Protein backbone atom coordinates (compact mmCIF):
# COMPACT_ATOMS: atom_id res chain seq x y z
CA MET A 1 0.00 0.00 0.00
CA LYS A 2 2.89 2.37 0.72
CA THR A 3 4.28 1.88 -2.76
CA VAL A 4 0.95 2.72 -4.37
CA PHE A 5 0.68 5.88 -2.27
CA TYR A 6 4.20 7.02 -3.16
CA ILE A 7 3.64 6.36 -6.87
CA PHE A 8 0.35 8.26 -6.74
CA MET A 9 1.85 11.22 -4.88
CA GLY A 10 4.82 11.31 -7.25
CA ALA A 11 2.46 11.41 -10.21
CA VAL A 12 0.42 14.18 -8.59
CA PHE A 13 3.55 16.26 -7.92
CA ILE A 14 4.66 15.80 -11.54
CA LEU A 15 1.22 16.81 -12.86
CA VAL A 16 1.09 19.89 -10.62
CA THR A 17 4.56 20.86 -11.81
CA PHE A 18 3.68 20.38 -15.47
CA PHE A 19 0.24 22.00 -15.46
CA GLY A 20 0.98 24.54 -12.73
CA LEU A 21 4.41 25.91 -13.49
CA GLY A 22 3.94 25.79 -17.26
CA PRO A 23 1.39 28.63 -17.24
CA VAL A 24 3.52 30.61 -14.79
CA LEU A 25 6.61 30.43 -16.99
CA LEU A 26 5.14 30.35 -20.49
CA ALA A 27 1.82 32.21 -20.29
CA ASP A 28 1.35 35.42 -22.18
CA GLY A 29 -1.02 36.88 -19.58
CA SER A 30 -0.41 39.80 -17.29
CA LEU A 31 2.08 39.73 -14.45
CA ASN A 32 -0.75 39.70 -11.89
CA GLU A 33 -2.24 36.62 -13.51
CA ARG A 34 1.11 34.83 -13.40
CA ILE A 35 1.67 35.73 -9.75
CA LEU A 36 -1.81 34.54 -8.78
CA THR A 37 -1.18 31.25 -10.59
CA LEU A 38 2.17 30.89 -8.82
CA VAL A 39 0.57 31.48 -5.42
CA VAL A 40 -2.08 28.83 -6.14
CA VAL A 41 0.59 26.34 -7.29
CA ILE A 42 2.66 26.97 -4.15
CA LEU A 43 -0.41 26.41 -1.98
CA ILE A 44 -1.11 23.13 -3.79
CA TYR A 45 2.52 22.06 -3.22
CA LEU A 46 2.22 22.88 0.49
CA LEU A 47 -1.03 20.92 0.78
CA LEU A 48 0.44 17.90 -1.00
CA GLY A 49 3.57 18.06 1.15
CA TRP A 50 1.46 18.26 4.32
CA ILE A 51 -0.60 15.23 3.22
CA THR A 52 2.54 13.26 2.36
CA LEU A 53 4.28 14.07 5.65
CA GLY A 54 1.16 13.17 7.60
CA TYR A 55 0.97 9.82 5.84
CA VAL A 56 4.65 9.09 6.43
CA LYS A 57 4.46 9.99 10.13
CA LYS A 58 1.28 7.96 10.60
CA ASN A 59 2.71 4.85 8.93
CA ARG A 60 6.24 5.03 10.30
CA GLN A 61 7.31 1.65 11.61
CA LYS A 62 8.94 1.69 15.01
């Protein structure tokens, strides 16, 4: 089960990077639009990191 979770979370991080940072770096919108997108992407990264750390701490073998 741990392996499936890590593969899933890795795929989610890759998708967020591809679909989140792509518009920040390559979009032709205004600077405010890019910054808003960057803030949303950073918040998604923080949420995913928090979920991953919670899972790791919960399932840590002693």
